[in-house]
Amino acid sequence: MAIVNNAINLNALNPLSPLDGGLGVSNPTAHGILVAEGASAATPIVLTNGEVLIGSTGADPVGATLTAGTGITITNGAGSISIAASAPGMSWVDETTSSVTMVANTGYTADAGASLITFTLPTSASIGDPIEINGKGAGLWKIAQGASQQIQFGNTATTAGTGGSIASSLQYDCIRLRALTAGATSTWVVVSAVGNLTVT
């Protein structure tokens, strides 16, 4: 006697249950990854370009793209993820205005011709963040401070707060500083300098 139908050769509308060793899925989603659900039918997860499965304790994994951190770029493609360093060093600004509030991790070329450029310390910084100024214009440069900020130049310190500053005396004087403390009330230390700088 021929067996016409059994639990295995039933059509796709009657998939084999997980309890019987199957997946319990009819016509699984194309390109989907099936995730087991115990006694329930498996769940298909379909990923888009650059997505990977991210695990979650006690729950189904989630398809998600990677998150780029500071100085990193991520480019997602079909079947590919490209990760690159986007900021191997400081970014530089050719500064031609007379007044600017600096940004951490940025270098500036003081380039306002015969006009003095007043650079104010960043209002936000993390410990170790650098800033830098290269002299170019004949008008020189000056670093001003916000309330409670201060610059340490070797054993000499500027006056704390808005009354303190450090300035160039010749056209091509340069300075590099690093944040010793974080936040708006930051303290900065001079790690290198060129020229006879004026500290007040």
N, C-alpha and C. Protein backbone atom coordinates (compact mmCIF):
# COMPACT_ATOMS: atom_id res chain seq x y z
N MET A 1 0.85 -1.18 0.00
CA MET A 1 0.00 0.00 0.00
C MET A 1 0.88 1.23 0.00
N ALA A 2 0.63 2.18 -0.89
CA ALA A 2 1.43 3.40 -0.98
C ALA A 2 0.98 4.41 0.05
N ILE A 3 1.94 5.09 0.60
CA ILE A 3 1.65 6.18 1.54
C ILE A 3 1.54 7.46 0.71
N VAL A 4 0.36 8.05 0.72
CA VAL A 4 0.14 9.23 -0.11
C VAL A 4 0.69 10.48 0.54
N ASN A 5 0.38 10.72 1.77
CA ASN A 5 0.88 11.89 2.52
C ASN A 5 1.38 11.44 3.88
N ASN A 6 2.43 12.06 4.32
CA ASN A 6 2.89 11.85 5.69
C ASN A 6 3.35 13.19 6.26
N ALA A 7 3.86 13.22 7.48
CA ALA A 7 4.22 14.48 8.16
C ALA A 7 5.35 15.20 7.46
N ILE A 8 6.11 14.50 6.60
CA ILE A 8 7.26 15.13 5.97
C ILE A 8 6.92 15.70 4.61
N ASN A 9 6.08 15.00 3.82
CA ASN A 9 5.81 15.48 2.47
C ASN A 9 4.54 16.30 2.34
N LEU A 10 4.04 16.83 3.48
CA LEU A 10 2.92 17.76 3.40
C LEU A 10 3.36 19.02 2.68
N ASN A 11 2.43 19.80 2.11
CA ASN A 11 2.82 20.98 1.35
C ASN A 11 3.32 22.09 2.27
N ALA A 12 3.77 23.19 1.65
CA ALA A 12 4.41 24.26 2.40
C ALA A 12 3.48 24.96 3.37
N LEU A 13 2.17 24.77 3.19
CA LEU A 13 1.24 25.40 4.13
C LEU A 13 1.17 24.66 5.46
N ASN A 14 1.79 23.49 5.52
CA ASN A 14 1.80 22.71 6.76
C ASN A 14 3.24 22.33 7.11
N PRO A 15 4.07 23.29 7.52
CA PRO A 15 5.47 22.99 7.80
C PRO A 15 5.62 22.11 9.03
N LEU A 16 6.73 21.42 9.07
CA LEU A 16 7.03 20.54 10.19
C LEU A 16 7.26 21.37 11.45
N SER A 17 6.58 21.02 12.52
CA SER A 17 6.67 21.75 13.78
C SER A 17 8.05 21.61 14.41
N PRO A 18 8.51 22.62 15.14
CA PRO A 18 9.77 22.49 15.88
C PRO A 18 9.75 21.33 16.85
N LEU A 19 8.55 20.98 17.34
CA LEU A 19 8.44 19.85 18.26
C LEU A 19 8.77 18.53 17.57
N ASP A 20 8.69 18.55 16.22
CA ASP A 20 9.00 17.35 15.45
C ASP A 20 10.33 17.48 14.70
N GLY A 21 11.13 18.48 15.10
CA GLY A 21 12.43 18.66 14.47
C GLY A 21 12.46 19.61 13.31
N GLY A 22 11.32 20.30 13.02
CA GLY A 22 11.28 21.25 11.91
C GLY A 22 11.47 22.68 12.38
N LEU A 23 11.16 23.62 11.48
CA LEU A 23 11.29 25.03 11.80
C LEU A 23 9.94 25.71 12.01
N GLY A 24 8.89 25.06 11.55
CA GLY A 24 7.56 25.63 11.71
C GLY A 24 7.31 26.86 10.87
N VAL A 25 8.05 27.02 9.77
CA VAL A 25 7.93 28.21 8.93
C VAL A 25 7.47 27.83 7.54
N SER A 26 6.42 28.49 7.06
CA SER A 26 5.96 28.31 5.69
C SER A 26 6.56 29.39 4.81
N ASN A 27 7.16 29.00 3.69
CA ASN A 27 7.73 29.96 2.76
C ASN A 27 8.60 31.00 3.48
N PRO A 28 9.71 30.60 4.06
CA PRO A 28 10.55 31.55 4.80
C PRO A 28 10.91 32.77 3.95
N THR A 29 11.02 33.93 4.60
CA THR A 29 11.35 35.17 3.92
C THR A 29 12.69 35.02 3.19
N ALA A 30 12.71 35.43 1.93
CA ALA A 30 13.94 35.34 1.15
C ALA A 30 15.06 36.14 1.81
N HIS A 31 16.23 35.53 1.85
CA HIS A 31 17.45 36.13 2.39
C HIS A 31 17.40 36.33 3.91
N GLY A 32 16.39 35.77 4.55
CA GLY A 32 16.29 35.91 5.99
C GLY A 32 17.14 34.89 6.73
N ILE A 33 17.54 35.25 7.94
CA ILE A 33 18.27 34.35 8.83
C ILE A 33 17.27 33.87 9.87
N LEU A 34 17.09 32.56 9.97
CA LEU A 34 16.09 32.02 10.89
C LEU A 34 16.66 31.90 12.29
N VAL A 35 15.91 32.44 13.23
CA VAL A 35 16.30 32.40 14.64
C VAL A 35 15.34 31.46 15.37
N ALA A 36 15.90 30.47 16.06
CA ALA A 36 15.08 29.49 16.76
C ALA A 36 14.30 30.14 17.89
N GLU A 37 13.04 29.65 18.09
CA GLU A 37 12.18 30.20 19.14
C GLU A 37 11.65 29.10 20.05
N GLY A 38 12.46 28.08 20.29
CA GLY A 38 12.02 26.97 21.13
C GLY A 38 10.94 26.17 20.44
N ALA A 39 9.78 25.98 21.11
CA ALA A 39 8.69 25.20 20.53
C ALA A 39 7.91 25.98 19.49
N SER A 40 8.14 27.29 19.38
CA SER A 40 7.43 28.10 18.40
C SER A 40 8.20 28.13 17.09
N ALA A 41 7.51 28.58 16.04
CA ALA A 41 8.15 28.67 14.73
C ALA A 41 9.32 29.65 14.76
N ALA A 42 10.34 29.31 13.97
CA ALA A 42 11.52 30.17 13.89
C ALA A 42 11.13 31.54 13.32
N THR A 43 11.89 32.58 13.71
CA THR A 43 11.64 33.94 13.23
C THR A 43 12.70 34.32 12.21
N PRO A 44 12.30 34.76 11.01
CA PRO A 44 13.28 35.20 10.03
C PRO A 44 13.69 36.66 10.27
N ILE A 45 14.98 36.92 10.23
CA ILE A 45 15.50 38.28 10.36
C ILE A 45 16.23 38.62 9.07
N VAL A 46 15.80 39.68 8.41
CA VAL A 46 16.40 40.10 7.15
C VAL A 46 17.27 41.32 7.40
N LEU A 47 18.52 41.24 6.97
CA LEU A 47 19.47 42.33 7.20
C LEU A 47 19.58 43.22 5.96
N THR A 48 19.83 44.50 6.18
CA THR A 48 20.11 45.43 5.09
C THR A 48 21.61 45.64 4.97
N ASN A 49 22.04 46.43 3.99
CA ASN A 49 23.47 46.63 3.74
C ASN A 49 24.21 47.03 5.01
N GLY A 50 25.27 46.31 5.31
CA GLY A 50 26.14 46.64 6.44
C GLY A 50 25.65 46.21 7.80
N GLU A 51 24.46 45.62 7.88
CA GLU A 51 23.97 45.20 9.18
C GLU A 51 24.57 43.87 9.61
N VAL A 52 24.72 43.70 10.91
CA VAL A 52 25.14 42.43 11.50
C VAL A 52 24.16 42.10 12.62
N LEU A 53 24.13 40.85 13.03
CA LEU A 53 23.27 40.48 14.15
C LEU A 53 23.96 40.82 15.47
N ILE A 54 23.26 41.59 16.30
CA ILE A 54 23.78 41.98 17.61
C ILE A 54 23.00 41.21 18.67
N GLY A 55 23.72 40.46 19.49
CA GLY A 55 23.07 39.63 20.49
C GLY A 55 22.47 40.43 21.62
N SER A 56 21.42 39.85 22.23
CA SER A 56 20.76 40.45 23.38
C SER A 56 20.36 39.32 24.32
N THR A 57 20.88 39.32 25.54
CA THR A 57 20.65 38.22 26.47
C THR A 57 19.15 37.98 26.68
N GLY A 58 18.72 36.75 26.44
CA GLY A 58 17.33 36.36 26.67
C GLY A 58 16.36 36.87 25.63
N ALA A 59 16.85 37.42 24.52
CA ALA A 59 15.96 37.95 23.49
C ALA A 59 16.56 37.65 22.12
N ASP A 60 15.75 37.83 21.08
CA ASP A 60 16.25 37.62 19.73
C ASP A 60 17.36 38.62 19.41
N PRO A 61 18.35 38.21 18.63
CA PRO A 61 19.34 39.18 18.16
C PRO A 61 18.68 40.20 17.25
N VAL A 62 19.33 41.34 17.11
CA VAL A 62 18.77 42.44 16.32
C VAL A 62 19.74 42.78 15.20
N GLY A 63 19.21 43.01 14.01
CA GLY A 63 20.04 43.47 12.92
C GLY A 63 20.33 44.95 13.07
N ALA A 64 21.60 45.33 13.11
CA ALA A 64 21.97 46.73 13.30
C ALA A 64 23.31 47.01 12.65
N THR A 65 23.52 48.27 12.29
CA THR A 65 24.82 48.68 11.76
C THR A 65 25.74 49.05 12.91
N LEU A 66 27.04 49.01 12.67
CA LEU A 66 28.01 49.40 13.68
C LEU A 66 27.98 50.91 13.88
N THR A 67 28.30 51.35 15.09
CA THR A 67 28.32 52.78 15.41
C THR A 67 29.75 53.27 15.39
N ALA A 68 30.00 54.33 14.64
CA ALA A 68 31.35 54.89 14.54
C ALA A 68 31.68 55.70 15.78
N GLY A 69 32.88 55.49 16.34
CA GLY A 69 33.34 56.29 17.45
C GLY A 69 34.11 57.51 16.95
N THR A 70 34.71 58.23 17.88
CA THR A 70 35.47 59.43 17.54
C THR A 70 36.63 59.08 16.61
N GLY A 71 36.72 59.81 15.52
CA GLY A 71 37.82 59.59 14.58
C GLY A 71 37.66 58.39 13.68
N ILE A 72 36.47 57.80 13.66
CA ILE A 72 36.22 56.60 12.86
C ILE A 72 35.05 56.85 11.92
N THR A 73 35.18 56.38 10.68
CA THR A 73 34.04 56.38 9.75
C THR A 73 33.73 54.95 9.35
N ILE A 74 32.46 54.67 9.16
CA ILE A 74 32.00 53.35 8.74
C ILE A 74 31.16 53.50 7.48
N THR A 75 31.53 52.78 6.44
CA THR A 75 30.78 52.81 5.19
C THR A 75 30.18 51.43 4.95
N ASN A 76 28.86 51.38 4.86
CA ASN A 76 28.16 50.11 4.67
C ASN A 76 27.83 49.91 3.19
N GLY A 77 28.02 48.69 2.72
CA GLY A 77 27.69 48.35 1.35
C GLY A 77 27.03 47.00 1.29
N ALA A 78 26.68 46.57 0.09
CA ALA A 78 26.07 45.25 -0.09
C ALA A 78 27.13 44.19 0.20
N GLY A 79 26.95 43.47 1.30
CA GLY A 79 27.91 42.44 1.67
C GLY A 79 29.24 42.97 2.15
N SER A 80 29.29 44.23 2.59
CA SER A 80 30.57 44.79 3.02
C SER A 80 30.40 45.84 4.11
N ILE A 81 31.42 45.96 4.96
CA ILE A 81 31.52 47.02 5.95
C ILE A 81 32.95 47.52 5.90
N SER A 82 33.13 48.82 5.64
CA SER A 82 34.46 49.40 5.58
C SER A 82 34.66 50.35 6.75
N ILE A 83 35.70 50.11 7.54
CA ILE A 83 35.99 50.92 8.72
C ILE A 83 37.32 51.63 8.50
N ALA A 84 37.33 52.95 8.72
CA ALA A 84 38.55 53.73 8.50
C ALA A 84 38.69 54.80 9.57
N ALA A 85 39.93 55.20 9.81
CA ALA A 85 40.19 56.32 10.71
C ALA A 85 39.96 57.60 9.93
N SER A 86 39.02 58.44 10.42
CA SER A 86 38.69 59.68 9.72
C SER A 86 39.46 60.87 10.24
N ALA A 87 40.05 60.73 11.42
CA ALA A 87 40.75 61.87 12.00
C ALA A 87 42.05 61.40 12.64
N PRO A 88 43.06 61.04 11.81
CA PRO A 88 44.31 60.56 12.37
C PRO A 88 45.07 61.62 13.15
N GLY A 89 44.74 62.90 12.94
CA GLY A 89 45.39 63.98 13.67
C GLY A 89 44.41 65.10 13.90
N MET A 90 44.92 66.25 14.32
CA MET A 90 44.07 67.41 14.55
C MET A 90 43.57 67.97 13.22
N SER A 91 42.40 68.59 13.27
CA SER A 91 41.94 69.35 12.12
C SER A 91 42.48 70.77 12.24
N TRP A 92 42.67 71.43 11.09
CA TRP A 92 43.30 72.75 11.09
C TRP A 92 42.39 73.79 10.46
N VAL A 93 42.45 75.00 11.01
CA VAL A 93 41.65 76.12 10.52
C VAL A 93 42.58 77.28 10.20
N ASP A 94 42.44 77.85 9.01
CA ASP A 94 43.16 79.07 8.64
C ASP A 94 42.32 80.23 9.16
N GLU A 95 42.66 80.72 10.35
CA GLU A 95 41.81 81.70 11.03
C GLU A 95 42.14 83.12 10.57
N THR A 96 41.14 83.80 9.99
CA THR A 96 41.34 85.14 9.46
C THR A 96 40.48 86.18 10.18
N THR A 97 39.69 85.76 11.17
CA THR A 97 38.87 86.71 11.92
C THR A 97 39.64 87.22 13.13
N SER A 98 39.12 88.28 13.76
CA SER A 98 39.85 88.90 14.88
C SER A 98 39.55 88.25 16.22
N SER A 99 38.52 87.42 16.28
CA SER A 99 38.13 86.80 17.54
C SER A 99 37.48 85.46 17.28
N VAL A 100 37.88 84.43 18.02
CA VAL A 100 37.30 83.10 17.83
C VAL A 100 37.40 82.31 19.14
N THR A 101 36.37 81.53 19.43
CA THR A 101 36.43 80.58 20.55
C THR A 101 36.94 79.27 19.99
N MET A 102 38.04 78.79 20.53
CA MET A 102 38.66 77.59 19.99
C MET A 102 37.85 76.34 20.31
N VAL A 103 38.10 75.30 19.52
CA VAL A 103 37.48 73.99 19.70
C VAL A 103 38.59 72.99 19.99
N ALA A 104 38.38 72.12 20.97
CA ALA A 104 39.38 71.12 21.31
C ALA A 104 39.73 70.25 20.11
N ASN A 105 40.95 69.74 20.10
CA ASN A 105 41.44 68.88 19.01
C ASN A 105 41.51 69.62 17.68
N THR A 106 41.79 70.92 17.75
CA THR A 106 41.86 71.74 16.55
C THR A 106 43.09 72.64 16.63
N GLY A 107 43.73 72.80 15.46
CA GLY A 107 44.85 73.71 15.36
C GLY A 107 44.45 74.91 14.51
N TYR A 108 45.05 76.06 14.80
CA TYR A 108 44.69 77.30 14.10
C TYR A 108 45.95 77.98 13.57
N THR A 109 45.84 78.52 12.36
CA THR A 109 46.87 79.39 11.82
C THR A 109 46.38 80.82 11.99
N ALA A 110 47.11 81.62 12.76
CA ALA A 110 46.72 83.01 13.01
C ALA A 110 47.05 83.82 11.76
N ASP A 111 46.03 84.11 10.96
CA ASP A 111 46.25 84.62 9.61
C ASP A 111 45.32 85.79 9.30
N ALA A 112 45.34 86.83 10.17
CA ALA A 112 44.48 88.00 9.97
C ALA A 112 45.28 89.22 9.54
N GLY A 113 46.39 88.99 8.89
CA GLY A 113 47.21 90.10 8.43
C GLY A 113 47.75 90.92 9.58
N ALA A 114 47.50 92.24 9.56
CA ALA A 114 48.02 93.13 10.59
C ALA A 114 47.13 93.18 11.83
N SER A 115 46.01 92.45 11.83
CA SER A 115 45.07 92.47 12.96
C SER A 115 45.39 91.39 13.97
N LEU A 116 45.31 91.73 15.25
CA LEU A 116 45.47 90.76 16.33
C LEU A 116 44.30 89.80 16.35
N ILE A 117 44.58 88.52 16.51
CA ILE A 117 43.51 87.53 16.70
C ILE A 117 43.48 87.11 18.16
N THR A 118 42.32 87.26 18.78
CA THR A 118 42.13 86.80 20.15
C THR A 118 41.45 85.43 20.12
N PHE A 119 42.18 84.41 20.52
CA PHE A 119 41.65 83.05 20.61
C PHE A 119 41.23 82.81 22.06
N THR A 120 39.97 82.43 22.27
CA THR A 120 39.50 82.12 23.61
C THR A 120 39.52 80.61 23.81
N LEU A 121 39.95 80.18 24.99
CA LEU A 121 40.03 78.75 25.29
C LEU A 121 38.67 78.07 25.05
N PRO A 122 38.67 76.78 24.67
CA PRO A 122 37.41 76.06 24.44
C PRO A 122 36.53 76.07 25.67
N THR A 123 35.22 76.14 25.45
CA THR A 123 34.27 76.10 26.57
C THR A 123 34.02 74.68 27.04
N SER A 124 34.45 73.70 26.25
CA SER A 124 34.28 72.30 26.61
C SER A 124 35.51 71.52 26.17
N ALA A 125 36.02 70.68 27.05
CA ALA A 125 37.20 69.88 26.73
C ALA A 125 37.25 68.65 27.61
N SER A 126 37.94 67.64 27.13
CA SER A 126 38.21 66.43 27.92
C SER A 126 39.69 66.41 28.27
N ILE A 127 40.03 65.73 29.33
CA ILE A 127 41.43 65.64 29.74
C ILE A 127 42.28 65.09 28.60
N GLY A 128 43.35 65.80 28.26
CA GLY A 128 44.25 65.37 27.20
C GLY A 128 43.98 65.99 25.85
N ASP A 129 42.84 66.70 25.70
CA ASP A 129 42.54 67.34 24.42
C ASP A 129 43.59 68.40 24.10
N PRO A 130 44.09 68.43 22.85
CA PRO A 130 45.05 69.46 22.47
C PRO A 130 44.41 70.61 21.70
N ILE A 131 45.05 71.76 21.74
CA ILE A 131 44.78 72.88 20.85
C ILE A 131 46.13 73.47 20.46
N GLU A 132 46.17 74.14 19.32
CA GLU A 132 47.46 74.62 18.83
C GLU A 132 47.26 75.88 17.99
N ILE A 133 48.25 76.79 18.04
CA ILE A 133 48.22 77.99 17.22
C ILE A 133 49.58 78.14 16.54
N ASN A 134 49.56 78.35 15.24
CA ASN A 134 50.76 78.70 14.48
C ASN A 134 50.66 80.15 14.05
N GLY A 135 51.65 80.95 14.40
CA GLY A 135 51.65 82.34 14.02
C GLY A 135 51.93 82.51 12.53
N LYS A 136 51.22 83.46 11.91
CA LYS A 136 51.45 83.78 10.51
C LYS A 136 51.31 85.28 10.24
N GLY A 137 50.17 85.84 10.66
CA GLY A 137 49.92 87.25 10.42
C GLY A 137 50.77 88.15 11.30
N ALA A 138 51.08 89.32 10.79
CA ALA A 138 51.90 90.28 11.54
C ALA A 138 51.18 90.85 12.75
N GLY A 139 49.84 90.70 12.80
CA GLY A 139 49.07 91.22 13.92
C GLY A 139 49.17 90.39 15.19
N LEU A 140 49.81 89.23 15.10
CA LEU A 140 50.07 88.34 16.24
C LEU A 140 48.78 87.69 16.76
N TRP A 141 48.91 86.96 17.85
CA TRP A 141 47.77 86.27 18.45
C TRP A 141 47.82 86.35 19.96
N LYS A 142 46.67 86.13 20.58
CA LYS A 142 46.54 86.14 22.04
C LYS A 142 45.52 85.08 22.43
N ILE A 143 45.79 84.35 23.51
CA ILE A 143 44.84 83.37 24.03
C ILE A 143 44.18 83.94 25.27
N ALA A 144 42.87 84.16 25.20
CA ALA A 144 42.09 84.64 26.34
C ALA A 144 41.45 83.46 27.05
N GLN A 145 40.97 83.72 28.25
CA GLN A 145 40.40 82.67 29.10
C GLN A 145 38.96 83.00 29.48
N GLY A 146 38.19 81.96 29.74
CA GLY A 146 36.86 82.13 30.30
C GLY A 146 36.96 82.17 31.82
N ALA A 147 35.83 82.36 32.46
CA ALA A 147 35.79 82.39 33.93
C ALA A 147 36.35 81.09 34.50
N SER A 148 37.25 81.21 35.47
CA SER A 148 37.85 80.07 36.19
C SER A 148 38.84 79.27 35.36
N GLN A 149 39.11 79.67 34.12
CA GLN A 149 40.10 78.96 33.31
C GLN A 149 41.50 79.52 33.59
N GLN A 150 42.51 78.69 33.29
CA GLN A 150 43.90 79.10 33.54
C GLN A 150 44.84 78.30 32.65
N ILE A 151 45.99 78.91 32.34
CA ILE A 151 47.02 78.26 31.53
C ILE A 151 48.29 78.17 32.36
N GLN A 152 48.87 76.98 32.39
CA GLN A 152 50.13 76.75 33.11
C GLN A 152 51.25 76.65 32.08
N PHE A 153 52.25 77.53 32.17
CA PHE A 153 53.39 77.55 31.26
C PHE A 153 54.64 77.28 32.08
N GLY A 154 55.01 75.99 32.18
CA GLY A 154 56.09 75.62 33.08
C GLY A 154 55.70 75.96 34.50
N ASN A 155 56.57 76.70 35.23
CA ASN A 155 56.27 77.09 36.59
C ASN A 155 55.46 78.39 36.66
N THR A 156 55.17 78.98 35.51
CA THR A 156 54.44 80.24 35.47
C THR A 156 53.00 79.98 35.07
N ALA A 157 52.06 80.63 35.76
CA ALA A 157 50.64 80.46 35.45
C ALA A 157 50.03 81.80 35.11
N THR A 158 49.06 81.78 34.21
CA THR A 158 48.30 82.99 33.92
C THR A 158 47.40 83.30 35.10
N THR A 159 46.91 84.53 35.16
CA THR A 159 45.91 84.90 36.15
C THR A 159 44.64 84.10 35.86
N ALA A 160 44.07 83.50 36.88
CA ALA A 160 42.87 82.68 36.68
C ALA A 160 41.70 83.55 36.24
N GLY A 161 40.91 83.03 35.32
CA GLY A 161 39.71 83.73 34.87
C GLY A 161 39.95 84.62 33.67
N THR A 162 38.99 85.51 33.43
CA THR A 162 39.01 86.33 32.22
C THR A 162 40.16 87.33 32.17
N GLY A 163 40.80 87.59 33.29
CA GLY A 163 41.91 88.54 33.30
C GLY A 163 43.23 87.95 32.84
N GLY A 164 43.32 86.63 32.70
CA GLY A 164 44.57 85.98 32.32
C GLY A 164 44.66 85.74 30.83
N SER A 165 45.91 85.69 30.33
CA SER A 165 46.12 85.44 28.90
C SER A 165 47.56 85.05 28.65
N ILE A 166 47.80 84.54 27.45
CA ILE A 166 49.15 84.27 26.97
C ILE A 166 49.18 84.71 25.51
N ALA A 167 50.26 85.38 25.11
CA ALA A 167 50.26 86.00 23.78
C ALA A 167 51.62 85.90 23.11
N SER A 168 51.60 85.96 21.79
CA SER A 168 52.84 85.95 21.01
C SER A 168 53.47 87.34 21.06
N SER A 169 54.77 87.38 20.80
CA SER A 169 55.46 88.67 20.71
C SER A 169 56.06 88.89 19.33
N LEU A 170 56.19 87.82 18.55
CA LEU A 170 56.71 87.91 17.19
C LEU A 170 55.79 87.15 16.24
N GLN A 171 55.88 87.45 14.97
CA GLN A 171 54.92 86.99 13.97
C GLN A 171 54.77 85.47 13.91
N TYR A 172 55.84 84.74 13.99
CA TYR A 172 55.76 83.29 13.78
C TYR A 172 55.84 82.48 15.08
N ASP A 173 55.50 83.10 16.19
CA ASP A 173 55.44 82.37 17.45
C ASP A 173 54.34 81.31 17.38
N CYS A 174 54.58 80.17 18.02
CA CYS A 174 53.63 79.05 18.00
C CYS A 174 53.44 78.51 19.41
N ILE A 175 52.31 77.84 19.62
CA ILE A 175 52.03 77.26 20.94
C ILE A 175 51.13 76.03 20.78
N ARG A 176 51.36 75.06 21.64
CA ARG A 176 50.51 73.87 21.72
C ARG A 176 50.16 73.65 23.18
N LEU A 177 48.86 73.50 23.46
CA LEU A 177 48.39 73.28 24.82
C LEU A 177 47.61 71.99 24.92
N ARG A 178 47.52 71.47 26.15
CA ARG A 178 46.75 70.25 26.40
C ARG A 178 45.90 70.46 27.66
N ALA A 179 44.66 69.98 27.63
CA ALA A 179 43.75 70.14 28.76
C ALA A 179 44.18 69.24 29.92
N LEU A 180 44.34 69.85 31.09
CA LEU A 180 44.66 69.08 32.30
C LEU A 180 43.40 68.67 33.05
N THR A 181 42.35 69.47 32.89
CA THR A 181 41.07 69.17 33.52
C THR A 181 39.97 69.35 32.49
N ALA A 182 38.81 68.77 32.75
CA ALA A 182 37.71 68.82 31.78
C ALA A 182 36.72 69.91 32.12
N GLY A 183 35.89 70.24 31.14
CA GLY A 183 34.79 71.17 31.37
C GLY A 183 35.13 72.61 31.08
N ALA A 184 34.15 73.48 31.37
CA ALA A 184 34.29 74.91 31.07
C ALA A 184 35.32 75.58 31.97
N THR A 185 35.57 75.03 33.16
CA THR A 185 36.55 75.61 34.08
C THR A 185 37.89 74.91 33.95
N SER A 186 38.28 74.63 32.73
CA SER A 186 39.45 73.81 32.47
C SER A 186 40.76 74.53 32.74
N THR A 187 41.77 73.74 33.08
CA THR A 187 43.14 74.21 33.18
C THR A 187 43.92 73.61 32.03
N TRP A 188 44.73 74.43 31.37
CA TRP A 188 45.51 74.00 30.22
C TRP A 188 46.99 74.14 30.51
N VAL A 189 47.80 73.24 29.96
CA VAL A 189 49.23 73.30 30.14
C VAL A 189 49.90 73.45 28.78
N VAL A 190 50.92 74.30 28.72
CA VAL A 190 51.68 74.47 27.49
C VAL A 190 52.66 73.31 27.38
N VAL A 191 52.54 72.53 26.32
CA VAL A 191 53.44 71.39 26.13
C VAL A 191 54.57 71.71 25.15
N SER A 192 54.39 72.75 24.33
CA SER A 192 55.47 73.22 23.47
C SER A 192 55.17 74.65 23.04
N ALA A 193 56.22 75.42 22.83
CA ALA A 193 56.06 76.80 22.43
C ALA A 193 57.30 77.27 21.69
N VAL A 194 57.10 78.17 20.75
CA VAL A 194 58.18 78.81 20.02
C VAL A 194 58.01 80.31 20.18
N GLY A 195 59.06 81.00 20.67
CA GLY A 195 58.99 82.45 20.82
C GLY A 195 59.00 82.86 22.29
N ASN A 196 59.13 84.16 22.49
CA ASN A 196 59.14 84.74 23.83
C ASN A 196 57.71 85.19 24.17
N LEU A 197 56.91 84.26 24.67
CA LEU A 197 55.50 84.51 24.89
C LEU A 197 55.27 85.37 26.12
N THR A 198 54.21 86.17 26.06
CA THR A 198 53.86 87.06 27.17
C THR A 198 52.75 86.42 27.99
N VAL A 199 53.03 86.21 29.27
CA VAL A 199 52.05 85.57 30.18
C VAL A 199 51.55 86.62 31.15
N THR A 200 50.22 86.79 31.20
CA THR A 200 49.64 87.73 32.15
C THR A 200 48.57 87.07 33.01
